[in-house]
PDB file of N, CA and C in Angstrom:
ATOM      1  N   MET A   1     -96.508 103.212-144.832  1.00  0.00           N
ATOM      2  CA  MET A   1     -95.768 103.842-143.929  1.00  0.00           C
ATOM      3  C   MET A   1     -96.083 103.865-142.414  1.00  0.00           C
ATOM      4  N   LEU A   2     -95.785 103.595-141.237  1.00  0.00           N
ATOM      5  CA  LEU A   2     -96.233 103.370-140.178  1.00  0.00           C
ATOM      6  C   LEU A   2     -96.660 105.077-139.646  1.00  0.00           C
ATOM      7  N   ASN A   3     -97.778 105.275-139.206  1.00  0.00           N
ATOM      8  CA  ASN A   3     -98.084 106.463-138.556  1.00  0.00           C
ATOM      9  C   ASN A   3     -97.826 106.218-137.098  1.00  0.00           C
ATOM     10  N   ARG A   4     -96.683 106.698-136.387  1.00  0.00           N
ATOM     11  CA  ARG A   4     -96.296 106.406-135.000  1.00  0.00           C
ATOM     12  C   ARG A   4     -97.143 106.954-133.949  1.00  0.00           C
ATOM     13  N   SER A   5     -97.854 107.810-134.367  1.00  0.00           N
ATOM     14  CA  SER A   5     -98.652 108.543-133.358  1.00  0.00           C
ATOM     15  C   SER A   5    -100.198 108.136-133.424  1.00  0.00           C
ATOM     16  N   TYR A   6    -100.480 107.010-133.930  1.00  0.00           N
ATOM     17  CA  TYR A   6    -101.648 106.493-134.108  1.00  0.00           C
ATOM     18  C   TYR A   6    -102.031 105.366-133.227  1.00  0.00           C
ATOM     19  N   LEU A   7    -102.920 105.221-132.343  1.00  0.00           N
ATOM     20  CA  LEU A   7    -103.187 104.319-131.194  1.00  0.00           C
ATOM     21  C   LEU A   7    -104.635 103.662-131.399  1.00  0.00           C
ATOM     22  N   LEU A   8    -104.731 102.659-131.264  1.00  0.00           N
ATOM     23  CA  LEU A   8    -106.153 101.878-131.210  1.00  0.00           C
ATOM     24  C   LEU A   8    -106.596 101.652-129.901  1.00  0.00           C
ATOM     25  N   TYR A   9    -107.500 102.150-129.371  1.00  0.00           N
ATOM     26  CA  TYR A   9    -107.980 101.709-127.878  1.00  0.00           C
ATOM     27  C   TYR A   9    -109.183 100.823-127.992  1.00  0.00           C
ATOM     28  N   ILE A  10    -109.129  99.908-127.392  1.00  0.00           N
ATOM     29  CA  ILE A  10    -110.350  98.866-127.527  1.00  0.00           C
ATOM     30  C   ILE A  10    -110.951  98.506-126.082  1.00  0.00           C
ATOM     31  N   GLY A  11    -112.338  98.853-126.160  1.00  0.00           N
ATOM     32  CA  GLY A  11    -112.804  98.538-124.506  1.00  0.00           C
ATOM     33  C   GLY A  11    -114.456  98.373-124.715  1.00  0.00           C
ATOM     34  N   ASN A  12    -115.129  98.167-123.535  1.00  0.00           N
ATOM     35  CA  ASN A  12    -116.344  97.887-123.655  1.00  0.00           C
ATOM     36  C   ASN A  12    -117.342  98.995-123.340  1.00  0.00           C
ATOM     37  N   ASP A  13    -116.727  99.886-122.543  1.00  0.00           N
ATOM     38  CA  ASP A  13    -117.414 100.910-121.989  1.00  0.00           C
ATOM     39  C   ASP A  13    -117.265 102.342-122.911  1.00  0.00           C
ATOM     40  N   ALA A  14    -118.347 102.651-123.667  1.00  0.00           N
ATOM     41  CA  ALA A  14    -118.272 103.842-124.597  1.00  0.00           C
ATOM     42  C   ALA A  14    -117.596 104.982-123.973  1.00  0.00           C
ATOM     43  N   LEU A  15    -118.220 105.420-122.552  1.00  0.00           N
ATOM     44  CA  LEU A  15    -117.810 106.706-121.893  1.00  0.00           C
ATOM     45  C   LEU A  15    -116.228 106.382-121.554  1.00  0.00           C
ATOM     46  N   LEU A  16    -115.900 105.377-121.027  1.00  0.00           N
ATOM     47  CA  LEU A  16    -114.473 105.352-120.530  1.00  0.00           C
ATOM     48  C   LEU A  16    -113.783 105.258-121.708  1.00  0.00           C
ATOM     49  N   SER A  17    -114.034 104.622-122.840  1.00  0.00           N
ATOM     50  CA  SER A  17    -113.102 104.829-124.120  1.00  0.00           C
ATOM     51  C   SER A  17    -113.056 106.331-124.665  1.00  0.00           C
ATOM     52  N   LYS A  18    -114.147 106.803-124.819  1.00  0.00           N
ATOM     53  CA  LYS A  18    -114.226 108.203-125.022  1.00  0.00           C
ATOM     54  C   LYS A  18    -113.272 109.131-124.298  1.00  0.00           C
ATOM     55  N   SER A  19    -113.434 109.010-122.945  1.00  0.00           N
ATOM     56  CA  SER A  19    -112.624 109.791-122.249  1.00  0.00           C
ATOM     57  C   SER A  19    -110.950 109.408-122.295  1.00  0.00           C
ATOM     58  N   SER A  20    -110.728 108.100-122.166  1.00  0.00           N
ATOM     59  CA  SER A  20    -109.301 107.779-122.448  1.00  0.00           C
ATOM     60  C   SER A  20    -108.669 108.296-123.599  1.00  0.00           C
ATOM     61  N   ALA A  21    -109.484 108.226-124.854  1.00  0.00           N
ATOM     62  CA  ALA A  21    -109.023 108.584-126.332  1.00  0.00           C
ATOM     63  C   ALA A  21    -108.894 110.031-126.100  1.00  0.00           C
ATOM     64  N   THR A  22    -109.799 110.836-125.510  1.00  0.00           N
ATOM     65  CA  THR A  22    -109.646 112.436-125.341  1.00  0.00           C
ATOM     66  C   THR A  22    -108.383 112.664-124.581  1.00  0.00           C
ATOM     67  N   LEU A  23    -108.106 111.814-123.572  1.00  0.00           N
ATOM     68  CA  LEU A  23    -107.036 112.151-122.773  1.00  0.00           C
ATOM     69  C   LEU A  23    -105.659 111.937-123.651  1.00  0.00           C
ATOM     70  N   LEU A  24    -105.506 110.921-124.533  1.00  0.00           N
ATOM     71  CA  LEU A  24    -104.513 110.547-125.271  1.00  0.00           C
ATOM     72  C   LEU A  24    -104.474 111.638-126.377  1.00  0.00           C
ATOM     73  N   ARG A  25    -105.516 111.826-126.978  1.00  0.00           N
ATOM     74  CA  ARG A  25    -105.587 113.025-128.107  1.00  0.00           C
ATOM     75  C   ARG A  25    -104.879 114.484-127.555  1.00  0.00           C
ATOM     76  N   ASP A  26    -105.414 114.841-126.357  1.00  0.00           N
ATOM     77  CA  ASP A  26    -104.666 115.906-125.483  1.00  0.00           C
ATOM     78  C   ASP A  26    -103.171 115.753-125.461  1.00  0.00           C
ATOM     79  N   ALA A  27    -102.876 114.578-125.395  1.00  0.00           N
ATOM     80  CA  ALA A  27    -101.288 114.322-125.227  1.00  0.00           C
ATOM     81  C   ALA A  27    -100.361 114.376-126.740  1.00  0.00           C
ATOM     82  N   GLY A  28    -101.309 114.320-127.628  1.00  0.00           N
ATOM     83  CA  GLY A  28    -100.856 114.366-129.064  1.00  0.00           C
ATOM     84  C   GLY A  28    -101.001 113.446-129.943  1.00  0.00           C
ATOM     85  N   TYR A  29    -101.517 112.354-129.402  1.00  0.00           N
ATOM     86  CA  TYR A  29    -101.791 111.156-130.321  1.00  0.00           C
ATOM     87  C   TYR A  29    -103.167 111.118-131.060  1.00  0.00           C
ATOM     88  N   LYS A  30    -103.174 110.476-132.288  1.00  0.00           N
ATOM     89  CA  LYS A  30    -104.425 110.317-132.971  1.00  0.00           C
ATOM     90  C   LYS A  30    -104.888 108.935-132.223  1.00  0.00           C
ATOM     91  N   VAL A  31    -106.094 108.882-132.039  1.00  0.00           N
ATOM     92  CA  VAL A  31    -106.695 107.624-131.295  1.00  0.00           C
ATOM     93  C   VAL A  31    -108.012 107.275-131.988  1.00  0.00           C
ATOM     94  N   LYS A  32    -108.051 106.078-132.434  1.00  0.00           N
ATOM     95  CA  LYS A  32    -109.308 105.290-132.741  1.00  0.00           C
ATOM     96  C   LYS A  32    -109.833 104.528-131.685  1.00  0.00           C
ATOM     97  N   ALA A  33    -110.930 104.675-131.001  1.00  0.00           N
ATOM     98  CA  ALA A  33    -111.605 103.981-129.979  1.00  0.00           C
ATOM     99  C   ALA A  33    -112.623 102.935-130.685  1.00  0.00           C
ATOM    100  N   THR A  34    -112.554 101.763-130.381  1.00  0.00           N
ATOM    101  CA  THR A  34    -113.643 100.749-130.774  1.00  0.00           C
ATOM    102  C   THR A  34    -113.847  99.824-129.732  1.00  0.00           C
ATOM    103  N   ASN A  35    -114.587  98.756-130.082  1.00  0.00           N
ATOM    104  CA  ASN A  35    -115.047  97.824-129.118  1.00  0.00           C
ATOM    105  C   ASN A  35    -114.610  96.299-129.865  1.00  0.00           C
ATOM    106  N   PRO A  36    -114.517  95.359-128.982  1.00  0.00           N
ATOM    107  CA  PRO A  36    -113.925  94.079-129.504  1.00  0.00           C
ATOM    108  C   PRO A  36    -114.579  93.419-130.879  1.00  0.00           C
ATOM    109  N   ALA A  37    -115.949  93.825-131.005  1.00  0.00           N
ATOM    110  CA  ALA A  37    -116.498  93.568-132.290  1.00  0.00           C
ATOM    111  C   ALA A  37    -115.983  93.950-133.814  1.00  0.00           C
ATOM    112  N   HIS A  38    -115.219  95.363-133.432  1.00  0.00           N
ATOM    113  CA  HIS A  38    -114.718  95.979-134.706  1.00  0.00           C
ATOM    114  C   HIS A  38    -113.228  95.814-134.765  1.00  0.00           C
ATOM    115  N   VAL A  39    -112.590  95.057-134.038  1.00  0.00           N
ATOM    116  CA  VAL A  39    -111.166  95.080-133.996  1.00  0.00           C
ATOM    117  C   VAL A  39    -110.552  94.629-135.570  1.00  0.00           C
ATOM    118  N   VAL A  40    -111.111  93.807-136.013  1.00  0.00           N
ATOM    119  CA  VAL A  40    -110.323  93.353-137.257  1.00  0.00           C
ATOM    120  C   VAL A  40    -110.531  94.413-138.290  1.00  0.00           C
ATOM    121  N   GLU A  41    -111.817  94.831-138.436  1.00  0.00           N
ATOM    122  CA  GLU A  41    -111.925  95.978-139.300  1.00  0.00           C
ATOM    123  C   GLU A  41    -110.773  97.294-138.859  1.00  0.00           C
ATOM    124  N   ALA A  42    -110.870  97.586-137.875  1.00  0.00           N
ATOM    125  CA  ALA A  42    -110.197  98.719-137.238  1.00  0.00           C
ATOM    126  C   ALA A  42    -108.693  98.499-137.636  1.00  0.00           C
ATOM    127  N   MET A  43    -108.019  96.915-137.528  1.00  0.00           N
ATOM    128  CA  MET A  43    -106.818  96.896-137.919  1.00  0.00           C
ATOM    129  C   MET A  43    -106.413  97.106-139.219  1.00  0.00           C
ATOM    130  N   ARG A  44    -107.344  96.666-139.961  1.00  0.00           N
ATOM    131  CA  ARG A  44    -107.063  97.066-141.569  1.00  0.00           C
ATOM    132  C   ARG A  44    -107.201  98.470-141.756  1.00  0.00           C
ATOM    133  N   GLU A  45    -107.712  99.248-141.085  1.00  0.00           N
ATOM    134  CA  GLU A  45    -107.859 100.742-141.412  1.00  0.00           C
ATOM    135  C   GLU A  45    -106.557 101.373-141.573  1.00  0.00           C
ATOM    136  N   HIS A  46    -105.789 101.138-140.387  1.00  0.00           N
ATOM    137  CA  HIS A  46    -104.411 101.889-139.914  1.00  0.00           C
ATOM    138  C   HIS A  46    -103.458 101.098-139.637  1.00  0.00           C
ATOM    139  N   ARG A  47    -102.134 101.500-139.753  1.00  0.00           N
ATOM    140  CA  ARG A  47    -101.251 100.909-138.877  1.00  0.00           C
ATOM    141  C   ARG A  47    -101.029 101.710-137.627  1.00  0.00           C
ATOM    142  N   TYR A  48    -100.725 100.992-136.679  1.00  0.00           N
ATOM    143  CA  TYR A  48    -100.702 101.651-135.195  1.00  0.00           C
ATOM    144  C   TYR A  48     -99.521 101.543-134.598  1.00  0.00           C
ATOM    145  N   ALA A  49     -99.202 102.547-133.877  1.00  0.00           N
ATOM    146  CA  ALA A  49     -98.089 102.475-132.616  1.00  0.00           C
ATOM    147  C   ALA A  49     -98.278 101.798-131.486  1.00  0.00           C
ATOM    148  N   GLY A  50     -99.503 101.600-131.421  1.00  0.00           N
ATOM    149  CA  GLY A  50     -99.779 100.762-130.014  1.00  0.00           C
ATOM    150  C   GLY A  50    -101.295 100.377-129.919  1.00  0.00           C
ATOM    151  N   VAL A  51    -101.460  99.360-129.423  1.00  0.00           N
ATOM    152  CA  VAL A  51    -102.935  98.784-129.198  1.00  0.00           C
ATOM    153  C   VAL A  51    -103.334  98.868-127.673  1.00  0.00           C
ATOM    154  N   ILE A  52    -104.215  99.683-127.441  1.00  0.00           N
ATOM    155  CA  ILE A  52    -104.500  99.739-125.736  1.00  0.00           C
ATOM    156  C   ILE A  52    -105.573  98.696-125.514  1.00  0.00           C
ATOM    157  N   LEU A  53    -105.474  97.817-124.666  1.00  0.00           N
ATOM    158  CA  LEU A  53    -106.542  96.868-124.087  1.00  0.00           C
ATOM    159  C   LEU A  53    -107.084  97.499-122.813  1.00  0.00           C
ATOM    160  N   CYS A  54    -108.390  97.889-122.830  1.00  0.00           N
ATOM    161  CA  CYS A  54    -109.038  98.526-121.776  1.00  0.00           C
ATOM    162  C   CYS A  54    -109.228  97.206-120.636  1.00  0.00           C
ATOM    163  N   ALA A  55    -109.600  97.811-119.453  1.00  0.00           N
ATOM    164  CA  ALA A  55    -109.534  96.724-118.294  1.00  0.00           C
ATOM    165  C   ALA A  55    -111.081  96.190-118.312  1.00  0.00           C
ATOM    166  N   THR A  56    -112.008  97.037-119.104  1.00  0.00           N
ATOM    167  CA  THR A  56    -113.397  96.382-119.396  1.00  0.00           C
ATOM    168  C   THR A  56    -113.418  95.149-120.258  1.00  0.00           C
ATOM    169  N   LEU A  57    -112.372  94.656-120.591  1.00  0.00           N
ATOM    170  CA  LEU A  57    -112.475  93.458-121.765  1.00  0.00           C
ATOM    171  C   LEU A  57    -112.239  92.225-120.841  1.00  0.00           C
ATOM    172  N   SER A  58    -113.033  91.146-121.205  1.00  0.00           N
ATOM    173  CA  SER A  58    -112.980  89.889-120.554  1.00  0.00           C
ATOM    174  C   SER A  58    -111.739  89.306-121.307  1.00  0.00           C
ATOM    175  N   GLY A  59    -111.271  88.159-120.440  1.00  0.00           N
ATOM    176  CA  GLY A  59    -110.122  87.510-120.991  1.00  0.00           C
ATOM    177  C   GLY A  59    -110.462  86.706-122.335  1.00  0.00           C
ATOM    178  N   GLU A  60    -111.519  86.259-122.651  1.00  0.00           N
ATOM    179  CA  GLU A  60    -111.978  85.801-124.003  1.00  0.00           C
ATOM    180  C   GLU A  60    -111.853  86.938-124.906  1.00  0.00           C
ATOM    181  N   GLU A  61    -112.221  88.071-124.702  1.00  0.00           N
ATOM    182  CA  GLU A  61    -112.286  89.188-125.682  1.00  0.00           C
ATOM    183  C   GLU A  61    -111.007  89.538-125.848  1.00  0.00           C
ATOM    184  N   THR A  62    -110.034  89.732-124.781  1.00  0.00           N
ATOM    185  CA  THR A  62    -108.745  90.064-125.069  1.00  0.00           C
ATOM    186  C   THR A  62    -108.000  88.935-125.788  1.00  0.00           C
ATOM    187  N   ASN A  63    -108.038  87.709-125.543  1.00  0.00           N
ATOM    188  CA  ASN A  63    -107.434  86.599-126.444  1.00  0.00           C
ATOM    189  C   ASN A  63    -107.870  86.858-127.784  1.00  0.00           C
ATOM    190  N   PHE A  64    -108.933  87.127-128.213  1.00  0.00           N
ATOM    191  CA  PHE A  64    -109.501  87.149-129.391  1.00  0.00           C
ATOM    192  C   PHE A  64    -108.769  88.479-130.042  1.00  0.00           C
ATOM    193  N   ILE A  65    -108.765  89.622-129.360  1.00  0.00           N
ATOM    194  CA  ILE A  65    -107.918  90.947-129.825  1.00  0.00           C
ATOM    195  C   ILE A  65    -106.725  90.658-130.019  1.00  0.00           C
ATOM    196  N   VAL A  66    -105.824  90.104-129.273  1.00  0.00           N
ATOM    197  CA  VAL A  66    -104.628  89.832-129.329  1.00  0.00           C
ATOM    198  C   VAL A  66    -104.360  88.904-130.777  1.00  0.00           C
ATOM    199  N   GLU A  67    -104.989  87.877-130.651  1.00  0.00           N
ATOM    200  CA  GLU A  67    -104.778  87.168-132.052  1.00  0.00           C
ATOM    201  C   GLU A  67    -105.150  87.943-133.181  1.00  0.00           C
ATOM    202  N   ALA A  68    -105.979  88.790-133.113  1.00  0.00           N
ATOM    203  CA  ALA A  68    -106.452  89.487-134.487  1.00  0.00           C
ATOM    204  C   ALA A  68    -105.253  90.389-134.635  1.00  0.00           C
ATOM    205  N   VAL A  69    -104.687  91.123-133.956  1.00  0.00           N
ATOM    206  CA  VAL A  69    -103.503  92.051-133.841  1.00  0.00           C
ATOM    207  C   VAL A  69    -102.626  91.286-134.292  1.00  0.00           C
ATOM    208  N   ARG A  70    -102.114  90.135-133.948  1.00  0.00           N
ATOM    209  CA  ARG A  70    -100.944  89.547-134.235  1.00  0.00           C
ATOM    210  C   ARG A  70    -100.869  89.086-135.744  1.00  0.00           C
ATOM    211  N   GLN A  71    -102.299  88.810-136.219  1.00  0.00           N
ATOM    212  CA  GLN A  71    -102.558  88.386-137.714  1.00  0.00           C
ATOM    213  C   GLN A  71    -102.197  89.352-138.262  1.00  0.00           C
ATOM    214  N   CYS A  72    -102.825  90.754-138.095  1.00  0.00           N
ATOM    215  CA  CYS A  72    -102.621  91.904-138.935  1.00  0.00           C
ATOM    216  C   CYS A  72    -101.491  92.694-138.722  1.00  0.00           C
ATOM    217  N   GLN A  73    -100.908  92.982-137.656  1.00  0.00           N
ATOM    218  CA  GLN A  73     -99.832  93.554-137.304  1.00  0.00           C
ATOM    219  C   GLN A  73     -99.076  93.199-136.101  1.00  0.00           C
ATOM    220  N   PRO A  74     -98.146  92.062-136.504  1.00  0.00           N
ATOM    221  CA  PRO A  74     -97.684  91.295-135.486  1.00  0.00           C
ATOM    222  C   PRO A  74     -96.692  92.096-134.595  1.00  0.00           C
ATOM    223  N   GLU A  75     -96.223  93.370-135.222  1.00  0.00           N
ATOM    224  CA  GLU A  75     -95.190  94.116-134.478  1.00  0.00           C
ATOM    225  C   GLU A  75     -95.570  95.111-133.525  1.00  0.00           C
ATOM    226  N   VAL A  76     -96.905  95.485-133.614  1.00  0.00           N
ATOM    227  CA  VAL A  76     -97.561  96.547-132.870  1.00  0.00           C
ATOM    228  C   VAL A  76     -97.544  96.067-131.173  1.00  0.00           C
ATOM    229  N   PRO A  77     -96.995  96.927-130.348  1.00  0.00           N
ATOM    230  CA  PRO A  77     -97.004  96.716-129.072  1.00  0.00           C
ATOM    231  C   PRO A  77     -98.349  96.766-128.531  1.00  0.00           C
ATOM    232  N   LEU A  78     -98.551  95.933-127.391  1.00  0.00           N
ATOM    233  CA  LEU A  78     -99.925  95.856-126.713  1.00  0.00           C
ATOM    234  C   LEU A  78     -99.902  96.458-125.287  1.00  0.00           C
ATOM    235  N   ILE A  79    -100.686  97.433-125.020  1.00  0.00           N
ATOM    236  CA  ILE A  79    -100.640  98.335-123.901  1.00  0.00           C
ATOM    237  C   ILE A  79    -101.995  97.884-123.102  1.00  0.00           C
ATOM    238  N   SER A  80    -101.809  97.161-121.907  1.00  0.00           N
ATOM    239  CA  SER A  80    -102.978  96.599-120.978  1.00  0.00           C
ATOM    240  C   SER A  80    -103.153  97.521-120.010  1.00  0.00           C
ATOM    241  N   VAL A  81    -104.467  97.858-119.636  1.00  0.00           N
ATOM    242  CA  VAL A  81    -104.808  98.787-118.616  1.00  0.00           C
ATOM    243  C   VAL A  81    -105.467  97.856-117.560  1.00  0.00           C
ATOM    244  N   GLN A  82    -105.066  98.141-116.623  1.00  0.00           N
ATOM    245  CA  GLN A  82    -105.724  97.387-115.348  1.00  0.00           C
ATOM    246  C   GLN A  82    -106.379  98.316-114.184  1.00  0.00           C
ATOM    247  N   VAL A  83    -107.064  97.695-113.366  1.00  0.00           N
ATOM    248  CA  VAL A  83    -107.705  98.663-112.390  1.00  0.00           C
ATOM    249  C   VAL A  83    -107.413  97.844-110.974  1.00  0.00           C
ATOM    250  N   GLY A  84    -105.952  98.295-110.449  1.00  0.00           N
ATOM    251  CA  GLY A  84    -105.358  97.538-109.364  1.00  0.00           C
ATOM    252  C   GLY A  84    -105.470  96.101-109.457  1.00  0.00           C
ATOM    253  N   LEU A  85    -106.031  95.368-108.675  1.00  0.00           N
ATOM    254  CA  LEU A  85    -106.188  93.849-108.697  1.00  0.00           C
ATOM    255  C   LEU A  85    -107.532  93.329-109.304  1.00  0.00           C
ATOM    256  N   LEU A  86    -108.479  94.115-109.483  1.00  0.00           N
ATOM    257  CA  LEU A  86    -109.720  93.864-110.257  1.00  0.00           C
ATOM    258  C   LEU A  86    -109.831  93.169-111.322  1.00  0.00           C
ATOM    259  N   GLY A  87    -110.613  92.602-111.810  1.00  0.00           N
ATOM    260  CA  GLY A  87    -110.683  91.791-113.040  1.00  0.00           C
ATOM    261  C   GLY A  87    -109.591  90.672-113.354  1.00  0.00           C
ATOM    262  N   GLU A  88    -109.664  90.372-114.604  1.00  0.00           N
ATOM    263  CA  GLU A  88    -108.464  89.331-115.161  1.00  0.00           C
ATOM    264  C   GLU A  88    -107.264  89.935-115.308  1.00  0.00           C
ATOM    265  N   GLY A  89    -106.111  89.279-115.093  1.00  0.00           N
ATOM    266  CA  GLY A  89    -104.835  89.772-115.042  1.00  0.00           C
ATOM    267  C   GLY A  89    -104.572  90.355-116.680  1.00  0.00           C
ATOM    268  N   PRO A  90    -103.628  91.070-116.879  1.00  0.00           N
ATOM    269  CA  PRO A  90    -103.149  91.391-118.379  1.00  0.00           C
ATOM    270  C   PRO A  90    -102.773  90.208-119.093  1.00  0.00           C
ATOM    271  N   HIS A  91    -102.670  90.494-120.495  1.00  0.00           N
ATOM    272  CA  HIS A  91    -102.564  89.299-121.225  1.00  0.00           C
ATOM    273  C   HIS A  91    -100.964  89.322-121.401  1.00  0.00           C
ATOM    274  N   PRO A  92    -100.365  87.923-121.410  1.00  0.00           N
ATOM    275  CA  PRO A  92     -98.935  87.770-121.187  1.00  0.00           C
ATOM    276  C   PRO A  92     -97.987  88.369-122.393  1.00  0.00           C
ATOM    277  N   SER A  93     -98.559  88.906-123.328  1.00  0.00           N
ATOM    278  CA  SER A  93     -97.774  89.469-124.409  1.00  0.00           C
ATOM    279  C   SER A  93     -97.914  90.963-124.448  1.00  0.00           C
ATOM    280  N   SER A  94     -98.482  91.452-123.451  1.00  0.00           N
ATOM    281  CA  SER A  94     -98.678  92.843-123.276  1.00  0.00           C
ATOM    282  C   SER A  94     -97.159  93.428-123.088  1.00  0.00           C
ATOM    283  N   SER A  95     -96.907  94.455-123.869  1.00  0.00           N
ATOM    284  CA  SER A  95     -95.497  95.162-123.700  1.00  0.00           C
ATOM    285  C   SER A  95     -95.645  96.138-122.462  1.00  0.00           C
ATOM    286  N   VAL A  96     -96.526  96.416-121.851  1.00  0.00           N
ATOM    287  CA  VAL A  96     -96.625  97.300-120.810  1.00  0.00           C
ATOM    288  C   VAL A  96     -98.087  97.011-120.166  1.00  0.00           C
ATOM    289  N   VAL A  97     -97.892  97.258-118.663  1.00  0.00           N
ATOM    290  CA  VAL A  97     -99.168  97.125-118.000  1.00  0.00           C
ATOM    291  C   VAL A  97     -99.429  98.381-117.289  1.00  0.00           C
ATOM    292  N   ILE A  98    -100.570  99.135-117.369  1.00  0.00           N
ATOM    293  CA  ILE A  98    -100.584 100.196-116.649  1.00  0.00           C
ATOM    294  C   ILE A  98    -101.863 100.127-115.615  1.00  0.00           C
ATOM    295  N   ASP A  99    -101.704 100.497-114.429  1.00  0.00           N
ATOM    296  CA  ASP A  99    -102.656 100.484-113.453  1.00  0.00           C
ATOM    297  C   ASP A  99    -103.427 101.661-113.526  1.00  0.00           C
ATOM    298  N   ALA A 100    -104.520 101.680-113.813  1.00  0.00           N
ATOM    299  CA  ALA A 100    -105.473 103.082-114.098  1.00  0.00           C
ATOM    300  C   ALA A 100    -105.470 103.760-112.630  1.00  0.00           C
ATOM    301  N   LEU A 101    -105.483 103.092-111.719  1.00  0.00           N
ATOM    302  CA  LEU A 101    -105.480 103.795-110.163  1.00  0.00           C
ATOM    303  C   LEU A 101    -104.433 104.875-110.241  1.00  0.00           C
ATOM    304  N   GLN A 102    -103.248 104.553-110.925  1.00  0.00           N
ATOM    305  CA  GLN A 102    -102.042 105.448-110.862  1.00  0.00           C
ATOM    306  C   GLN A 102    -102.401 106.975-111.367  1.00  0.00           C
ATOM    307  N   GLY A 103    -103.628 107.071-112.104  1.00  0.00           N
ATOM    308  CA  GLY A 103    -103.954 108.278-112.679  1.00  0.00           C
ATOM    309  C   GLY A 103    -103.621 108.520-113.921  1.00  0.00           C
ATOM    310  N   PRO A 104    -104.159 109.712-114.598  1.00  0.00           N
ATOM    311  CA  PRO A 104    -103.919 109.964-116.403  1.00  0.00           C
ATOM    312  C   PRO A 104    -102.655 110.334-116.394  1.00  0.00           C
ATOM    313  N   GLN A 105    -101.661 110.949-115.842  1.00  0.00           N
ATOM    314  CA  GLN A 105    -100.469 111.098-116.199  1.00  0.00           C
ATOM    315  C   GLN A 105     -99.496 109.873-116.329  1.00  0.00           C
ATOM    316  N   ALA A 106    -100.055 108.786-115.392  1.00  0.00           N
ATOM    317  CA  ALA A 106     -99.067 107.510-115.455  1.00  0.00           C
ATOM    318  C   ALA A 106     -99.441 106.809-116.846  1.00  0.00           C
ATOM    319  N   PHE A 107    -100.938 106.804-117.009  1.00  0.00           N
ATOM    320  CA  PHE A 107    -101.366 106.077-118.284  1.00  0.00           C
ATOM    321  C   PHE A 107    -100.766 106.919-119.490  1.00  0.00           C
ATOM    322  N   VAL A 108    -100.479 108.159-119.719  1.00  0.00           N
ATOM    323  CA  VAL A 108    -100.017 108.792-120.822  1.00  0.00           C
ATOM    324  C   VAL A 108     -98.591 108.404-120.773  1.00  0.00           C
ATOM    325  N   GLY A 109     -97.851 108.389-119.569  1.00  0.00           N
ATOM    326  CA  GLY A 109     -96.553 108.276-119.605  1.00  0.00           C
ATOM    327  C   GLY A 109     -96.295 106.773-120.060  1.00  0.00           C
ATOM    328  N   ALA A 110     -96.983 105.882-119.682  1.00  0.00           N
ATOM    329  CA  ALA A 110     -96.691 104.439-120.057  1.00  0.00           C
ATOM    330  C   ALA A 110     -96.878 104.340-121.611  1.00  0.00           C
ATOM    331  N   VAL A 111     -97.973 104.983-122.043  1.00  0.00           N
ATOM    332  CA  VAL A 111     -98.359 104.894-123.564  1.00  0.00           C
ATOM    333  C   VAL A 111     -97.087 105.578-124.368  1.00  0.00           C
ATOM    334  N   ARG A 112     -96.599 106.777-123.866  1.00  0.00           N
ATOM    335  CA  ARG A 112     -95.576 107.486-124.564  1.00  0.00           C
ATOM    336  C   ARG A 112     -94.205 106.703-124.623  1.00  0.00           C
ATOM    337  N   SER A 113     -93.930 105.917-123.390  1.00  0.00           N
ATOM    338  CA  SER A 113     -92.662 105.190-123.219  1.00  0.00           C
ATOM    339  C   SER A 113     -92.615 104.008-124.433  1.00  0.00           C
ATOM    340  N   VAL A 114     -93.901 103.371-124.502  1.00  0.00           N
ATOM    341  CA  VAL A 114     -93.914 102.327-125.510  1.00  0.00           C
ATOM    342  C   VAL A 114     -93.777 102.822-126.849  1.00  0.00           C
ATOM    343  N   THR A 115     -94.768 103.850-127.269  1.00  0.00           N
ATOM    344  CA  THR A 115     -94.591 104.372-128.609  1.00  0.00           C
ATOM    345  C   THR A 115     -93.328 105.034-128.871  1.00  0.00           C
ATOM    346  N   LEU A 116     -92.562 105.789-127.910  1.00  0.00           N
ATOM    347  CA  LEU A 116     -91.117 106.218-128.051  1.00  0.00           C
ATOM    348  C   LEU A 116     -90.212 105.156-128.440  1.00  0.00           C
ATOM    349  N   ALA A 117     -90.237 104.059-127.563  1.00  0.00           N
ATOM    350  CA  ALA A 117     -89.354 103.088-127.761  1.00  0.00           C
ATOM    351  C   ALA A 117     -89.367 102.438-129.097  1.00  0.00           C
ATOM    352  N   ARG A 118     -90.672 102.179-129.597  1.00  0.00           N
ATOM    353  CA  ARG A 118     -91.185 101.701-130.813  1.00  0.00           C
ATOM    354  C   ARG A 118     -90.401 102.701-132.075  1.00  0.00           C
ATOM    355  N   GLN A 119     -90.457 103.879-131.775  1.00  0.00           N
ATOM    356  CA  GLN A 119     -89.863 104.947-132.807  1.00  0.00           C
ATOM    357  C   GLN A 119     -88.332 104.814-133.070  1.00  0.00           C
ATOM    358  N   ALA A 120     -87.932 104.308-131.621  1.00  0.00           N
ATOM    359  CA  ALA A 120     -86.412 104.418-131.799  1.00  0.00           C
ATOM    360  C   ALA A 120     -85.875 103.151-132.408  1.00  0.00           C
ATOM    361  N   SER A 121     -86.553 102.160-132.503  1.00  0.00           N
ATOM    362  CA  SER A 121     -86.306 100.892-133.126  1.00  0.00           C
ATOM    363  C   SER A 121     -86.437 100.626-134.718  1.00  0.00           C
TER     364      SER A 121
END
């Protein structure tokens, strides 16, 4: 059975991943934070309500992650975090794109909108 409140946060900056995971935990989610090297293992551990792709990921890493997610849990929504116009653009299969410059409430709100929509379906 799907645990609808469980999120996977994937990024390359340990402090940013930790602070983002803490923010989401404070909003009531269970969060596993990991890096691209451990995505496949993480996808096998739990069923997720959403996978968050941090802005610290390269395009190559993002493509690898999306493929791994699609193979393990094809129905899970992808949530891309961007920082303004910096870095590579979001992956085209993202369910929602969040601009981190909009602040933590916008981040939590966007994640909530995706997970609530998923619960309703």
